[in-house]
Amino acid sequence: MDVSRQEAIAAIKMHAELGTEGFSFEDIEGAVKFMETFGRWISIHDVSSSKEYILKRLPDKKPFYSSNDERLDWLENDFCPWLENWKEDVEKEMKKVPKTNKDMTSEEKNNC
């Protein structure tokens, strides 16, 4: 499944809202935000078709004709800071992960 596709994101949101039995969708907001953000980044950078934005009504896939395009502003002022924050969050969480089995406490080993 392509997690950046709008259909996949919509399906995950729907299952989270409905509380689909057998699936845990707790704290899914961060994952959905990640998928939406990278999905938009991919759409903006997908230059495989110059008409797809018309045929599929996807404005982010429109070719660039101006340096004043709103999408460029989004990339610079929204996406880049978001990406930097995401990187910092991942690095912070990775510091909590033991490097080797011998670095784990006995409780951590039991929880694996």
N, C-alpha and C. Protein backbone atom coordinates (compact mmCIF):
# COMPACT_ATOMS: atom_id res chain seq x y z
N MET A 1 0.85 -1.17 0.00
CA MET A 1 0.00 0.00 0.00
C MET A 1 0.90 1.24 0.00
N ASP A 2 0.55 2.17 -0.84
CA ASP A 2 1.26 3.44 -0.90
C ASP A 2 0.67 4.35 0.18
N VAL A 3 1.37 4.53 1.27
CA VAL A 3 0.83 5.28 2.41
C VAL A 3 0.70 6.77 2.15
N SER A 4 1.23 7.24 1.05
CA SER A 4 1.10 8.67 0.74
C SER A 4 -0.14 8.93 -0.13
N ARG A 5 -0.84 7.89 -0.55
CA ARG A 5 -2.04 8.08 -1.38
C ARG A 5 -3.19 8.60 -0.53
N GLN A 6 -3.93 9.52 -1.10
CA GLN A 6 -5.07 10.10 -0.40
C GLN A 6 -6.09 9.06 0.02
N GLU A 7 -6.26 8.03 -0.81
CA GLU A 7 -7.23 6.98 -0.50
C GLU A 7 -6.81 6.20 0.75
N ALA A 8 -5.52 5.90 0.87
CA ALA A 8 -5.02 5.17 2.03
C ALA A 8 -5.18 6.00 3.30
N ILE A 9 -4.86 7.27 3.21
CA ILE A 9 -4.98 8.17 4.36
C ILE A 9 -6.44 8.28 4.79
N ALA A 10 -7.33 8.43 3.81
CA ALA A 10 -8.76 8.53 4.12
C ALA A 10 -9.28 7.25 4.77
N ALA A 11 -8.81 6.10 4.31
CA ALA A 11 -9.25 4.83 4.89
C ALA A 11 -8.79 4.70 6.34
N ILE A 12 -7.57 5.08 6.61
CA ILE A 12 -7.05 5.01 7.98
C ILE A 12 -7.84 5.95 8.89
N LYS A 13 -8.09 7.16 8.42
CA LYS A 13 -8.88 8.12 9.21
C LYS A 13 -10.28 7.57 9.49
N MET A 14 -10.92 6.96 8.48
CA MET A 14 -12.26 6.42 8.65
C MET A 14 -12.27 5.31 9.69
N HIS A 15 -11.29 4.38 9.60
CA HIS A 15 -11.23 3.29 10.57
C HIS A 15 -10.97 3.82 11.97
N ALA A 16 -10.17 4.85 12.09
CA ALA A 16 -9.90 5.45 13.40
C ALA A 16 -11.16 6.08 13.97
N GLU A 17 -11.92 6.78 13.13
CA GLU A 17 -13.15 7.42 13.59
C GLU A 17 -14.22 6.40 13.96
N LEU A 18 -14.30 5.31 13.19
CA LEU A 18 -15.32 4.29 13.44
C LEU A 18 -14.94 3.33 14.54
N GLY A 19 -13.64 3.28 14.88
CA GLY A 19 -13.20 2.32 15.89
C GLY A 19 -13.35 0.90 15.39
N THR A 20 -12.84 0.62 14.22
CA THR A 20 -12.99 -0.69 13.58
C THR A 20 -12.49 -1.80 14.51
N GLU A 21 -13.34 -2.79 14.70
CA GLU A 21 -13.04 -3.91 15.59
C GLU A 21 -11.82 -4.68 15.10
N GLY A 22 -10.94 -5.02 16.03
CA GLY A 22 -9.76 -5.80 15.70
C GLY A 22 -8.55 -4.97 15.34
N PHE A 23 -8.73 -3.66 15.22
CA PHE A 23 -7.62 -2.78 14.87
C PHE A 23 -7.49 -1.69 15.92
N SER A 24 -6.28 -1.39 16.31
CA SER A 24 -6.03 -0.33 17.28
C SER A 24 -5.59 0.92 16.54
N PHE A 25 -6.37 1.97 16.66
CA PHE A 25 -6.04 3.23 16.00
C PHE A 25 -5.84 4.33 17.04
N GLU A 26 -5.29 3.96 18.19
CA GLU A 26 -5.01 4.95 19.22
C GLU A 26 -3.81 5.79 18.79
N ASP A 27 -3.86 7.06 19.08
CA ASP A 27 -2.76 7.99 18.80
C ASP A 27 -2.31 7.92 17.34
N ILE A 28 -3.26 7.87 16.43
CA ILE A 28 -2.95 7.74 15.00
C ILE A 28 -2.71 9.10 14.35
N GLU A 29 -3.03 10.18 15.06
CA GLU A 29 -2.95 11.51 14.47
C GLU A 29 -1.56 11.84 13.93
N GLY A 30 -0.52 11.47 14.68
CA GLY A 30 0.85 11.75 14.25
C GLY A 30 1.20 11.00 12.97
N ALA A 31 0.77 9.75 12.87
CA ALA A 31 1.05 8.96 11.67
C ALA A 31 0.30 9.54 10.47
N VAL A 32 -0.94 9.96 10.68
CA VAL A 32 -1.72 10.54 9.60
C VAL A 32 -1.09 11.85 9.14
N LYS A 33 -0.66 12.68 10.08
CA LYS A 33 0.00 13.94 9.72
C LYS A 33 1.27 13.66 8.90
N PHE A 34 2.03 12.66 9.31
CA PHE A 34 3.23 12.26 8.59
C PHE A 34 2.87 11.85 7.16
N MET A 35 1.86 11.00 7.01
CA MET A 35 1.44 10.51 5.70
C MET A 35 0.95 11.66 4.82
N GLU A 36 0.15 12.56 5.39
CA GLU A 36 -0.37 13.68 4.62
C GLU A 36 0.76 14.62 4.18
N THR A 37 1.68 14.89 5.08
CA THR A 37 2.77 15.82 4.78
C THR A 37 3.68 15.25 3.70
N PHE A 38 4.11 14.01 3.86
CA PHE A 38 4.97 13.41 2.84
C PHE A 38 4.21 13.15 1.55
N GLY A 39 2.92 12.87 1.65
CA GLY A 39 2.10 12.70 0.45
C GLY A 39 2.06 13.97 -0.37
N ARG A 40 1.91 15.09 0.30
CA ARG A 40 1.91 16.37 -0.41
C ARG A 40 3.29 16.65 -1.02
N TRP A 41 4.35 16.37 -0.26
CA TRP A 41 5.71 16.57 -0.78
C TRP A 41 5.92 15.74 -2.05
N ILE A 42 5.47 14.49 -2.02
CA ILE A 42 5.60 13.62 -3.18
C ILE A 42 4.81 14.18 -4.36
N SER A 43 3.58 14.61 -4.12
CA SER A 43 2.75 15.16 -5.19
C SER A 43 3.39 16.38 -5.84
N ILE A 44 3.93 17.26 -5.02
CA ILE A 44 4.56 18.47 -5.54
C ILE A 44 5.77 18.13 -6.41
N HIS A 45 6.50 17.09 -6.03
CA HIS A 45 7.72 16.72 -6.75
C HIS A 45 7.49 15.72 -7.89
N ASP A 46 6.28 15.21 -8.03
CA ASP A 46 5.97 14.24 -9.08
C ASP A 46 5.76 14.98 -10.41
N VAL A 47 6.74 14.90 -11.27
CA VAL A 47 6.68 15.59 -12.56
C VAL A 47 6.45 14.61 -13.71
N SER A 48 5.89 13.45 -13.40
CA SER A 48 5.72 12.41 -14.42
C SER A 48 4.64 12.76 -15.44
N SER A 49 3.73 13.66 -15.12
CA SER A 49 2.68 14.03 -16.05
C SER A 49 2.38 15.52 -15.91
N SER A 50 2.23 16.18 -17.04
CA SER A 50 1.90 17.61 -16.97
C SER A 50 0.40 17.86 -16.99
N LYS A 51 -0.40 16.79 -17.12
CA LYS A 51 -1.86 16.94 -17.18
C LYS A 51 -2.59 16.23 -16.04
N GLU A 52 -1.87 15.47 -15.23
CA GLU A 52 -2.51 14.70 -14.17
C GLU A 52 -3.26 15.60 -13.19
N TYR A 53 -2.73 16.78 -12.95
CA TYR A 53 -3.40 17.69 -12.02
C TYR A 53 -4.79 18.06 -12.51
N ILE A 54 -5.01 18.06 -13.83
CA ILE A 54 -6.33 18.37 -14.40
C ILE A 54 -7.20 17.12 -14.34
N LEU A 55 -6.69 16.02 -14.86
CA LEU A 55 -7.47 14.79 -14.97
C LEU A 55 -7.91 14.25 -13.61
N LYS A 56 -7.05 14.35 -12.61
CA LYS A 56 -7.36 13.81 -11.28
C LYS A 56 -7.69 14.88 -10.26
N ARG A 57 -7.74 16.14 -10.71
CA ARG A 57 -8.05 17.27 -9.83
C ARG A 57 -7.11 17.32 -8.62
N LEU A 58 -5.82 17.29 -8.91
CA LEU A 58 -4.79 17.32 -7.88
C LEU A 58 -3.93 18.58 -8.09
N PRO A 59 -4.29 19.68 -7.47
CA PRO A 59 -3.58 20.94 -7.72
C PRO A 59 -2.10 20.91 -7.36
N ASP A 60 -1.70 20.05 -6.43
CA ASP A 60 -0.28 19.98 -6.07
C ASP A 60 0.58 19.39 -7.19
N LYS A 61 -0.05 18.73 -8.15
CA LYS A 61 0.71 18.14 -9.26
C LYS A 61 0.83 19.07 -10.46
N LYS A 62 0.29 20.26 -10.33
CA LYS A 62 0.37 21.23 -11.42
C LYS A 62 1.82 21.65 -11.64
N PRO A 63 2.24 21.77 -12.90
CA PRO A 63 3.61 22.23 -13.15
C PRO A 63 3.83 23.63 -12.57
N PHE A 64 5.05 23.94 -12.25
CA PHE A 64 5.38 25.27 -11.73
C PHE A 64 5.58 26.23 -12.88
N TYR A 65 4.94 27.39 -12.77
CA TYR A 65 5.09 28.44 -13.77
C TYR A 65 5.59 29.74 -13.18
N SER A 66 5.67 29.80 -11.85
CA SER A 66 6.07 31.03 -11.19
C SER A 66 6.83 30.72 -9.91
N SER A 67 7.78 31.58 -9.60
CA SER A 67 8.51 31.43 -8.34
C SER A 67 7.67 31.90 -7.16
N ASN A 68 6.51 32.48 -7.43
CA ASN A 68 5.60 32.92 -6.37
C ASN A 68 4.55 31.87 -6.04
N ASP A 69 4.72 30.68 -6.53
CA ASP A 69 3.76 29.60 -6.32
C ASP A 69 3.63 29.29 -4.83
N GLU A 70 2.41 29.14 -4.37
CA GLU A 70 2.11 28.84 -2.96
C GLU A 70 2.79 27.56 -2.50
N ARG A 71 2.93 26.60 -3.40
CA ARG A 71 3.54 25.31 -3.04
C ARG A 71 5.01 25.48 -2.67
N LEU A 72 5.70 26.39 -3.34
CA LEU A 72 7.09 26.66 -2.99
C LEU A 72 7.17 27.29 -1.60
N ASP A 73 6.23 28.16 -1.30
CA ASP A 73 6.16 28.77 0.03
C ASP A 73 5.92 27.69 1.08
N TRP A 74 5.00 26.75 0.79
CA TRP A 74 4.72 25.66 1.72
C TRP A 74 5.97 24.81 1.95
N LEU A 75 6.68 24.49 0.87
CA LEU A 75 7.89 23.68 1.00
C LEU A 75 8.92 24.36 1.90
N GLU A 76 9.11 25.63 1.70
CA GLU A 76 10.14 26.36 2.45
C GLU A 76 9.71 26.70 3.87
N ASN A 77 8.48 27.16 4.05
CA ASN A 77 8.07 27.69 5.35
C ASN A 77 7.28 26.74 6.22
N ASP A 78 6.75 25.69 5.64
CA ASP A 78 5.99 24.71 6.43
C ASP A 78 6.68 23.35 6.46
N PHE A 79 6.99 22.84 5.26
CA PHE A 79 7.56 21.50 5.20
C PHE A 79 8.95 21.41 5.83
N CYS A 80 9.85 22.31 5.46
CA CYS A 80 11.23 22.23 5.98
C CYS A 80 11.27 22.32 7.51
N PRO A 81 10.57 23.28 8.15
CA PRO A 81 10.57 23.29 9.62
C PRO A 81 9.92 22.03 10.21
N TRP A 82 8.84 21.56 9.59
CA TRP A 82 8.20 20.34 10.07
C TRP A 82 9.17 19.17 9.99
N LEU A 83 9.90 19.06 8.89
CA LEU A 83 10.86 17.98 8.71
C LEU A 83 11.98 18.05 9.75
N GLU A 84 12.45 19.24 10.03
CA GLU A 84 13.50 19.42 11.04
C GLU A 84 12.99 19.00 12.42
N ASN A 85 11.76 19.40 12.76
CA ASN A 85 11.17 18.99 14.05
C ASN A 85 10.99 17.49 14.12
N TRP A 86 10.56 16.88 13.02
CA TRP A 86 10.38 15.44 12.97
C TRP A 86 11.72 14.74 13.19
N LYS A 87 12.75 15.22 12.54
CA LYS A 87 14.10 14.64 12.70
C LYS A 87 14.55 14.73 14.15
N GLU A 88 14.34 15.90 14.77
CA GLU A 88 14.74 16.07 16.18
C GLU A 88 13.95 15.13 17.09
N ASP A 89 12.66 14.97 16.82
CA ASP A 89 11.84 14.06 17.62
C ASP A 89 12.32 12.62 17.48
N VAL A 90 12.66 12.21 16.27
CA VAL A 90 13.15 10.85 16.04
C VAL A 90 14.48 10.64 16.76
N GLU A 91 15.37 11.61 16.65
CA GLU A 91 16.68 11.49 17.31
C GLU A 91 16.51 11.41 18.83
N LYS A 92 15.59 12.19 19.37
CA LYS A 92 15.34 12.17 20.82
C LYS A 92 14.81 10.80 21.25
N GLU A 93 13.90 10.24 20.47
CA GLU A 93 13.34 8.93 20.80
C GLU A 93 14.37 7.82 20.62
N MET A 94 15.24 7.96 19.63
CA MET A 94 16.27 6.94 19.41
C MET A 94 17.27 6.86 20.56
N LYS A 95 17.47 7.96 21.25
CA LYS A 95 18.38 7.95 22.40
C LYS A 95 17.84 7.09 23.53
N LYS A 96 16.54 6.87 23.54
CA LYS A 96 15.91 6.05 24.57
C LYS A 96 16.04 4.56 24.29
N VAL A 97 16.39 4.21 23.05
CA VAL A 97 16.48 2.80 22.66
C VAL A 97 17.85 2.27 23.04
N PRO A 98 17.89 1.17 23.80
CA PRO A 98 19.19 0.58 24.16
C PRO A 98 19.95 0.14 22.91
N LYS A 99 21.24 0.32 22.94
CA LYS A 99 22.08 -0.02 21.80
C LYS A 99 22.25 -1.53 21.63
N THR A 100 22.39 -2.23 22.73
CA THR A 100 22.55 -3.69 22.67
C THR A 100 21.72 -4.32 23.77
N ASN A 101 21.58 -5.61 23.70
CA ASN A 101 20.82 -6.36 24.68
C ASN A 101 21.40 -6.17 26.08
N LYS A 102 22.72 -6.08 26.19
CA LYS A 102 23.34 -5.94 27.51
C LYS A 102 23.07 -4.57 28.13
N ASP A 103 22.69 -3.57 27.31
CA ASP A 103 22.35 -2.25 27.83
C ASP A 103 20.93 -2.17 28.37
N MET A 104 20.15 -3.23 28.14
CA MET A 104 18.75 -3.23 28.57
C MET A 104 18.64 -3.65 30.03
N THR A 105 17.68 -3.05 30.70
CA THR A 105 17.38 -3.50 32.05
C THR A 105 16.65 -4.84 31.97
N SER A 106 16.57 -5.55 33.07
CA SER A 106 15.88 -6.84 33.05
C SER A 106 14.39 -6.64 32.72
N GLU A 107 13.81 -5.54 33.15
CA GLU A 107 12.40 -5.27 32.83
C GLU A 107 12.22 -5.05 31.33
N GLU A 108 13.14 -4.32 30.72
CA GLU A 108 13.08 -4.09 29.27
C GLU A 108 13.23 -5.40 28.51
N LYS A 109 14.11 -6.27 28.98
CA LYS A 109 14.30 -7.58 28.32
C LYS A 109 13.04 -8.41 28.43
N ASN A 110 12.35 -8.35 29.55
CA ASN A 110 11.14 -9.12 29.75
C ASN A 110 10.00 -8.61 28.87
N ASN A 111 10.03 -7.32 28.53
CA ASN A 111 8.96 -6.73 27.72
C ASN A 111 9.16 -6.95 26.23
N CYS A 112 10.28 -7.50 25.82
CA CYS A 112 10.53 -7.72 24.38
C CYS A 112 9.78 -8.91 23.86
